[in-house]
C-alpha atoms as a PDB file:
ATOM      1  CA  GLN A   1       0.000   0.000   0.000  1.00  0.00           C
ATOM      2  CA  VAL A   2       0.975   3.591  -0.618  1.00  0.00           C
ATOM      3  CA  GLN A   3      -0.063   6.522   1.525  1.00  0.00           C
ATOM      4  CA  VAL A   4      -0.044  10.116   0.349  1.00  0.00           C
ATOM      5  CA  MET A   5      -0.369  12.938   2.839  1.00  0.00           C
ATOM      6  CA  GLU A   6      -0.571  16.650   2.077  1.00  0.00           C
ATOM      7  CA  SER A   7      -0.009  19.499   4.510  1.00  0.00           C
ATOM      8  CA  GLY A   8       0.483  23.239   4.514  1.00  0.00           C
ATOM      9  CA  GLY A   9      -2.850  24.611   3.395  1.00  0.00           C
ATOM     10  CA  GLY A  10      -4.557  27.485   5.121  1.00  0.00           C
ATOM     11  CA  LEU A  11      -5.950  30.989   4.857  1.00  0.00           C
ATOM     12  CA  VAL A  12      -3.846  33.763   3.384  1.00  0.00           C
ATOM     13  CA  GLN A  13      -4.446  37.246   2.053  1.00  0.00           C
ATOM     14  CA  ALA A  14      -4.095  38.025  -1.622  1.00  0.00           C
ATOM     15  CA  GLY A  15      -0.459  38.571  -2.500  1.00  0.00           C
ATOM     16  CA  GLY A  16       0.706  36.231   0.221  1.00  0.00           C
ATOM     17  CA  SER A  17       2.506  32.913   0.089  1.00  0.00           C
ATOM     18  CA  LEU A  18       1.970  29.341   1.199  1.00  0.00           C
ATOM     19  CA  ARG A  19       4.043  26.207   0.905  1.00  0.00           C
ATOM     20  CA  LEU A  20       2.356  22.853   0.454  1.00  0.00           C
ATOM     21  CA  SER A  21       4.068  19.575   1.206  1.00  0.00           C
ATOM     22  CA  CYS A  22       3.181  16.053   0.172  1.00  0.00           C
ATOM     23  CA  ALA A  23       4.862  12.933   1.463  1.00  0.00           C
ATOM     24  CA  ALA A  24       4.445   9.478  -0.022  1.00  0.00           C
ATOM     25  CA  SER A  25       5.119   6.403   2.073  1.00  0.00           C
ATOM     26  CA  GLY A  26       4.628   2.669   1.961  1.00  0.00           C
ATOM     27  CA  SER A  27       5.513   0.131  -0.670  1.00  0.00           C
ATOM     28  CA  ILE A  28       7.363   2.358  -3.139  1.00  0.00           C
ATOM     29  CA  PHE A  29      10.067   1.116  -5.453  1.00  0.00           C
ATOM     30  CA  SER A  30      10.342   4.336  -7.376  1.00  0.00           C
ATOM     31  CA  ILE A  31       8.215   7.318  -8.294  1.00  0.00           C
ATOM     32  CA  SER A  32       7.673   8.334 -11.895  1.00  0.00           C
ATOM     33  CA  ALA A  33       6.027  11.686 -11.247  1.00  0.00           C
ATOM     34  CA  MET A  34       4.600  13.806  -8.480  1.00  0.00           C
ATOM     35  CA  ASN A  35       1.815  16.205  -9.330  1.00  0.00           C
ATOM     36  CA  TRP A  36      -0.302  18.893  -7.727  1.00  0.00           C
ATOM     37  CA  TYR A  37      -3.920  19.303  -8.783  1.00  0.00           C
ATOM     38  CA  ARG A  38      -6.583  21.612  -7.483  1.00  0.00           C
ATOM     39  CA  GLN A  39     -10.344  21.693  -7.452  1.00  0.00           C
ATOM     40  CA  ALA A  40     -12.420  24.764  -6.768  1.00  0.00           C
ATOM     41  CA  PRO A  41     -16.107  24.520  -5.815  1.00  0.00           C
ATOM     42  CA  GLY A  42     -18.217  23.691  -8.842  1.00  0.00           C
ATOM     43  CA  LYS A  43     -15.202  23.190 -11.073  1.00  0.00           C
ATOM     44  CA  GLN A  44     -13.300  20.221 -12.396  1.00  0.00           C
ATOM     45  CA  ARG A  45     -10.033  19.111 -10.922  1.00  0.00           C
ATOM     46  CA  GLU A  46      -7.133  20.653 -12.847  1.00  0.00           C
ATOM     47  CA  LEU A  47      -3.414  20.059 -13.019  1.00  0.00           C
ATOM     48  CA  VAL A  48      -1.367  22.793 -11.377  1.00  0.00           C
ATOM     49  CA  ALA A  49       2.203  21.521 -11.614  1.00  0.00           C
ATOM     50  CA  GLN A  50       4.149  18.341 -12.041  1.00  0.00           C
ATOM     51  CA  ILE A  51       7.691  17.139 -11.540  1.00  0.00           C
ATOM     52  CA  ILE A  52       8.823  14.089 -13.416  1.00  0.00           C
ATOM     53  CA  ASN A  53      11.523  11.600 -12.452  1.00  0.00           C
ATOM     54  CA  GLY A  54      14.697  13.307 -13.564  1.00  0.00           C
ATOM     55  CA  GLY A  55      13.557  16.709 -12.443  1.00  0.00           C
ATOM     56  CA  SER A  56      11.624  18.092 -15.401  1.00  0.00           C
ATOM     57  CA  THR A  57       8.766  20.350 -14.394  1.00  0.00           C
ATOM     58  CA  ASN A  58       5.565  21.535 -16.038  1.00  0.00           C
ATOM     59  CA  TYR A  59       3.180  24.245 -14.917  1.00  0.00           C
ATOM     60  CA  ALA A  60      -0.299  25.302 -15.811  1.00  0.00           C
ATOM     61  CA  ASP A  61      -0.323  28.699 -17.483  1.00  0.00           C
ATOM     62  CA  PHE A  62      -2.321  30.228 -14.642  1.00  0.00           C
ATOM     63  CA  VAL A  63       0.486  29.603 -12.111  1.00  0.00           C
ATOM     64  CA  LYS A  64       3.593  30.139 -14.217  1.00  0.00           C
ATOM     65  CA  GLY A  65       5.927  32.602 -12.576  1.00  0.00           C
ATOM     66  CA  ARG A  66       4.104  32.364  -9.227  1.00  0.00           C
ATOM     67  CA  PHE A  67       4.301  28.707  -8.150  1.00  0.00           C
ATOM     68  CA  THR A  68       7.346  26.477  -7.924  1.00  0.00           C
ATOM     69  CA  ILE A  69       7.298  22.703  -7.581  1.00  0.00           C
ATOM     70  CA  SER A  70      10.256  20.867  -6.096  1.00  0.00           C
ATOM     71  CA  ARG A  71      10.992  17.387  -4.845  1.00  0.00           C
ATOM     72  CA  ASP A  72      13.111  15.669  -2.204  1.00  0.00           C
ATOM     73  CA  ASN A  73      13.734  12.220  -3.654  1.00  0.00           C
ATOM     74  CA  ALA A  74      15.241  10.846  -0.453  1.00  0.00           C
ATOM     75  CA  LYS A  75      12.037  11.655   1.434  1.00  0.00           C
ATOM     76  CA  ASN A  76       9.562  10.901  -1.400  1.00  0.00           C
ATOM     77  CA  THR A  77       8.249  14.385  -0.780  1.00  0.00           C
ATOM     78  CA  VAL A  78       7.068  17.079  -3.166  1.00  0.00           C
ATOM     79  CA  TYR A  79       6.577  20.744  -2.363  1.00  0.00           C
ATOM     80  CA  LEU A  80       4.568  23.509  -3.961  1.00  0.00           C
ATOM     81  CA  GLN A  81       5.732  27.023  -3.150  1.00  0.00           C
ATOM     82  CA  MET A  82       2.897  29.386  -3.952  1.00  0.00           C
ATOM     83  CA  ASN A  83       3.656  33.101  -4.160  1.00  0.00           C
ATOM     84  CA  SER A  84       1.582  36.098  -5.204  1.00  0.00           C
ATOM     85  CA  LEU A  85      -1.583  34.208  -4.377  1.00  0.00           C
ATOM     86  CA  LYS A  86      -4.860  35.388  -5.840  1.00  0.00           C
ATOM     87  CA  PRO A  87      -8.433  34.781  -4.665  1.00  0.00           C
ATOM     88  CA  GLU A  88      -8.946  32.596  -7.731  1.00  0.00           C
ATOM     89  CA  ASP A  89      -6.291  30.233  -6.377  1.00  0.00           C
ATOM     90  CA  THR A  90      -8.744  29.239  -3.660  1.00  0.00           C
ATOM     91  CA  ALA A  91      -9.317  25.501  -3.968  1.00  0.00           C
ATOM     92  CA  VAL A  92      -8.616  22.134  -2.445  1.00  0.00           C
ATOM     93  CA  TYR A  93      -5.136  21.125  -3.525  1.00  0.00           C
ATOM     94  CA  PHE A  94      -4.485  17.440  -4.115  1.00  0.00           C
ATOM     95  CA  CYS A  95      -1.206  15.611  -4.392  1.00  0.00           C
ATOM     96  CA  ASN A  96      -0.960  12.838  -6.962  1.00  0.00           C
ATOM     97  CA  VAL A  97       1.941  10.392  -6.859  1.00  0.00           C
ATOM     98  CA  VAL A  98       2.611   8.083  -9.779  1.00  0.00           C
ATOM     99  CA  VAL A  99       4.419   5.055  -8.401  1.00  0.00           C
ATOM    100  CA  THR A 100       6.368   3.137 -11.028  1.00  0.00           C
ATOM    101  CA  PHE A 101       4.588  -0.112 -12.023  1.00  0.00           C
ATOM    102  CA  ARG A 102       1.825   0.605  -9.450  1.00  0.00           C
ATOM    103  CA  GLY A 103      -0.126   3.574 -10.755  1.00  0.00           C
ATOM    104  CA  PRO A 104      -1.343   6.878  -9.310  1.00  0.00           C
ATOM    105  CA  TYR A 105      -2.211   7.515  -5.695  1.00  0.00           C
ATOM    106  CA  TRP A 106      -4.063  10.534  -4.329  1.00  0.00           C
ATOM    107  CA  GLY A 107      -3.902  12.380  -1.065  1.00  0.00           C
ATOM    108  CA  GLN A 108      -6.977  13.587   0.766  1.00  0.00           C
ATOM    109  CA  GLY A 109      -6.422  17.211  -0.206  1.00  0.00           C
ATOM    110  CA  THR A 110      -5.614  20.387   1.661  1.00  0.00           C
ATOM    111  CA  GLN A 111      -7.684  23.562   1.567  1.00  0.00           C
ATOM    112  CA  VAL A 112      -6.118  26.791   0.359  1.00  0.00           C
ATOM    113  CA  THR A 113      -8.190  29.933   0.819  1.00  0.00           C
ATOM    114  CA  VAL A 114      -7.034  33.307  -0.472  1.00  0.00           C
ATOM    115  CA  SER A 115      -8.939  36.323   0.782  1.00  0.00           C
ATOM    116  CA  SER A 116      -9.187  39.543  -1.183  1.00  0.00           C
END
């Protein structure tokens, strides 16, 4: 089994910063990719950022230049540094871990609320 646990959400004013963390544990041989998604009320879940084995990163256009994804391979942990937050960034943020040969695993989500 694989467990995925996010932390770091909260309430912040517009223009502020938050750092999300996501740790994967359990039966993990290797991780192919670690991704952050978000889902706002009434909207579909959308990809925010991803970091692929080897270190390549991809970002959604709406966070480019504001969010940074990074990874600690030794700890099977991924981070999302979110700067210049906007009210439209308010959502539940989910971590998605793609374990090699096992498939994707999801965390329970962490709420990020940005007040105007």
